Amino acid sequence: MIKFAYLALGGATGAILRYWISGLPYKIYSGVFPWGTLIVNLAGSLMIGFFWGFLGRENISTNVRSFLFIGLFGSFTTFSTFAFESLNLLRDGSIKYALINVLASNVFGILLVFAGFVLAKMLLNLKY
């Protein structure tokens, strides 16, 4: 049961952070491109890669894994909103922006997971 509490706490935290961070670009940019969703998805990709590389599978408890990877990062990033916004761009005739959104989200998302993982491994090997 405690695992569900960690999951719920992470989910609530991630959702609040996503709401706050994804809303920031719309205060300065009024275009049709979904910058807020792209930013949270790419930041979440970097963070999940970093924490997976930093903590590793063996060094993290089930509760912490549930809090971070399923709750926090799962609710911080949002595939359904990305898909919906891409569909709306296509529906509105913004084919170029829809393609940019799909490519940027997927290509950079995968690259940032990898970069976060590598960065964490590099930091762990630094000698002070």
Protein backbone atom coordinates (compact mmCIF):
# COMPACT_ATOMS: atom_id res chain seq x y z
CA MET A 1 0.00 0.00 0.00
CA ILE A 2 2.89 2.37 0.69
CA LYS A 3 3.96 1.94 -2.94
CA PHE A 4 0.65 3.50 -4.04
CA ALA A 5 1.24 6.44 -1.72
CA TYR A 6 4.64 7.08 -3.32
CA LEU A 7 3.07 6.70 -6.75
CA ALA A 8 0.27 9.16 -5.92
CA LEU A 9 2.66 11.70 -4.41
CA GLY A 10 4.94 11.51 -7.45
CA GLY A 11 2.00 11.74 -9.83
CA ALA A 12 0.56 14.79 -8.12
CA THR A 13 3.95 16.51 -8.01
CA GLY A 14 4.66 15.77 -11.67
CA ALA A 15 1.23 16.97 -12.80
CA ILE A 16 1.58 20.25 -10.91
CA LEU A 17 5.09 20.81 -12.29
CA ARG A 18 3.90 20.03 -15.83
CA TYR A 19 0.99 22.46 -15.52
CA TRP A 20 3.26 25.22 -14.23
CA ILE A 21 6.20 24.70 -16.61
CA SER A 22 4.20 23.99 -19.76
CA GLY A 23 2.22 27.19 -19.23
CA LEU A 24 5.29 29.44 -19.13
CA PRO A 25 6.02 29.54 -22.90
CA TYR A 26 2.45 30.63 -23.65
CA LYS A 27 2.99 33.77 -21.58
CA ILE A 28 5.74 34.92 -23.96
CA TYR A 29 4.86 33.17 -27.21
CA SER A 30 1.39 33.21 -28.72
CA GLY A 31 1.99 31.08 -31.82
CA VAL A 32 0.35 27.80 -32.70
CA PHE A 33 3.35 25.57 -31.93
CA PRO A 34 2.94 23.60 -28.65
CA TRP A 35 6.17 24.75 -26.99
CA GLY A 36 5.01 23.97 -23.46
CA THR A 37 4.37 20.31 -24.16
CA LEU A 38 7.61 19.96 -26.11
CA ILE A 39 9.59 21.53 -23.26
CA VAL A 40 8.15 19.30 -20.53
CA ASN A 41 8.50 16.16 -22.64
CA LEU A 42 12.12 16.89 -23.52
CA ALA A 43 13.01 17.97 -19.97
CA GLY A 44 11.32 14.83 -18.65
CA SER A 45 13.28 12.70 -21.12
CA LEU A 46 16.55 14.21 -19.93
CA MET A 47 15.59 13.79 -16.27
CA ILE A 48 14.46 10.18 -16.58
CA GLY A 49 17.69 9.27 -18.37
CA PHE A 50 19.77 11.11 -15.80
CA PHE A 51 18.10 9.58 -12.76
CA TRP A 52 18.14 6.09 -14.27
CA GLY A 53 21.86 6.46 -14.95
CA PHE A 54 22.56 8.08 -11.59
CA LEU A 55 20.54 5.76 -9.39
CA GLY A 56 20.69 2.58 -11.44
CA ARG A 57 18.30 -0.32 -11.23
CA GLU A 58 20.12 -2.04 -8.38
CA ASN A 59 20.48 1.00 -6.10
CA ILE A 60 16.89 2.15 -5.98
CA SER A 61 14.01 0.83 -3.94
CA THR A 62 10.67 -0.09 -5.49
CA ASN A 63 8.98 2.81 -3.68
CA VAL A 64 11.47 5.40 -4.93
CA ARG A 65 11.29 3.93 -8.44
CA SER A 66 7.49 4.19 -8.33
CA PHE A 67 7.68 7.79 -7.05
CA LEU A 68 10.21 8.98 -9.64
CA PHE A 69 9.74 7.00 -12.83
CA ILE A 70 6.05 6.17 -12.82
CA GLY A 71 4.63 8.98 -10.67
CA LEU A 72 6.79 12.08 -11.10
CA PHE A 73 8.19 11.63 -14.62
CA GLY A 74 5.14 9.74 -15.86
CA SER A 75 2.80 12.58 -15.00
CA PHE A 76 5.29 15.34 -15.79
CA THR A 77 5.64 14.20 -19.39
CA THR A 78 2.57 13.68 -21.50
CA PHE A 79 2.26 11.59 -24.61
CA SER A 80 -1.49 12.04 -24.93
CA THR A 81 -1.25 15.84 -24.97
CA PHE A 82 1.58 15.64 -27.51
CA ALA A 83 -0.55 13.39 -29.75
CA PHE A 84 -3.61 15.63 -29.36
CA GLU A 85 -1.69 18.81 -30.15
CA SER A 86 -0.08 17.16 -33.18
CA LEU A 87 -3.51 16.11 -34.41
CA ASN A 88 -4.84 19.66 -33.93
CA LEU A 89 -1.92 21.08 -35.91
CA LEU A 90 -2.69 18.68 -38.76
CA ARG A 91 -6.41 19.44 -38.57
CA ASP A 92 -5.70 23.18 -38.72
CA GLY A 93 -3.48 22.75 -41.79
CA SER A 94 -0.19 23.41 -39.99
CA ILE A 95 1.46 20.35 -41.49
CA LYS A 96 4.97 21.78 -41.18
CA TYR A 97 4.52 22.47 -37.45
CA ALA A 98 2.95 19.05 -36.90
CA LEU A 99 5.94 17.33 -38.51
CA ILE A 100 8.40 19.47 -36.56
CA ASN A 101 6.55 18.64 -33.34
CA VAL A 102 6.53 14.88 -34.01
CA LEU A 103 10.17 14.76 -35.11
CA ALA A 104 11.48 17.07 -32.37
CA SER A 105 9.58 15.26 -29.63
CA ASN A 106 10.63 11.80 -30.69
CA VAL A 107 14.17 12.31 -31.95
CA PHE A 108 15.27 14.79 -29.28
CA GLY A 109 13.37 12.89 -26.58
CA ILE A 110 15.31 9.70 -27.27
CA LEU A 111 18.59 11.62 -27.58
CA LEU A 112 17.96 13.41 -24.27
CA VAL A 113 17.20 10.17 -22.40
CA PHE A 114 20.52 8.86 -23.65
CA ALA A 115 22.32 12.15 -22.87
CA GLY A 116 20.90 12.20 -19.34
CA PHE A 117 22.01 8.62 -18.76
CA VAL A 118 25.52 9.29 -20.08
CA LEU A 119 25.80 12.53 -18.08
CA ALA A 120 24.88 10.72 -14.88
CA LYS A 121 27.44 7.98 -15.54
CA MET A 122 30.10 10.60 -16.27
CA LEU A 123 29.33 12.47 -13.03
CA LEU A 124 29.48 9.26 -11.02
CA ASN A 125 33.00 8.55 -12.30
CA LEU A 126 34.39 12.00 -11.42
CA LYS A 127 37.03 11.98 -8.68
CA TYR A 128 37.05 14.85 -6.20
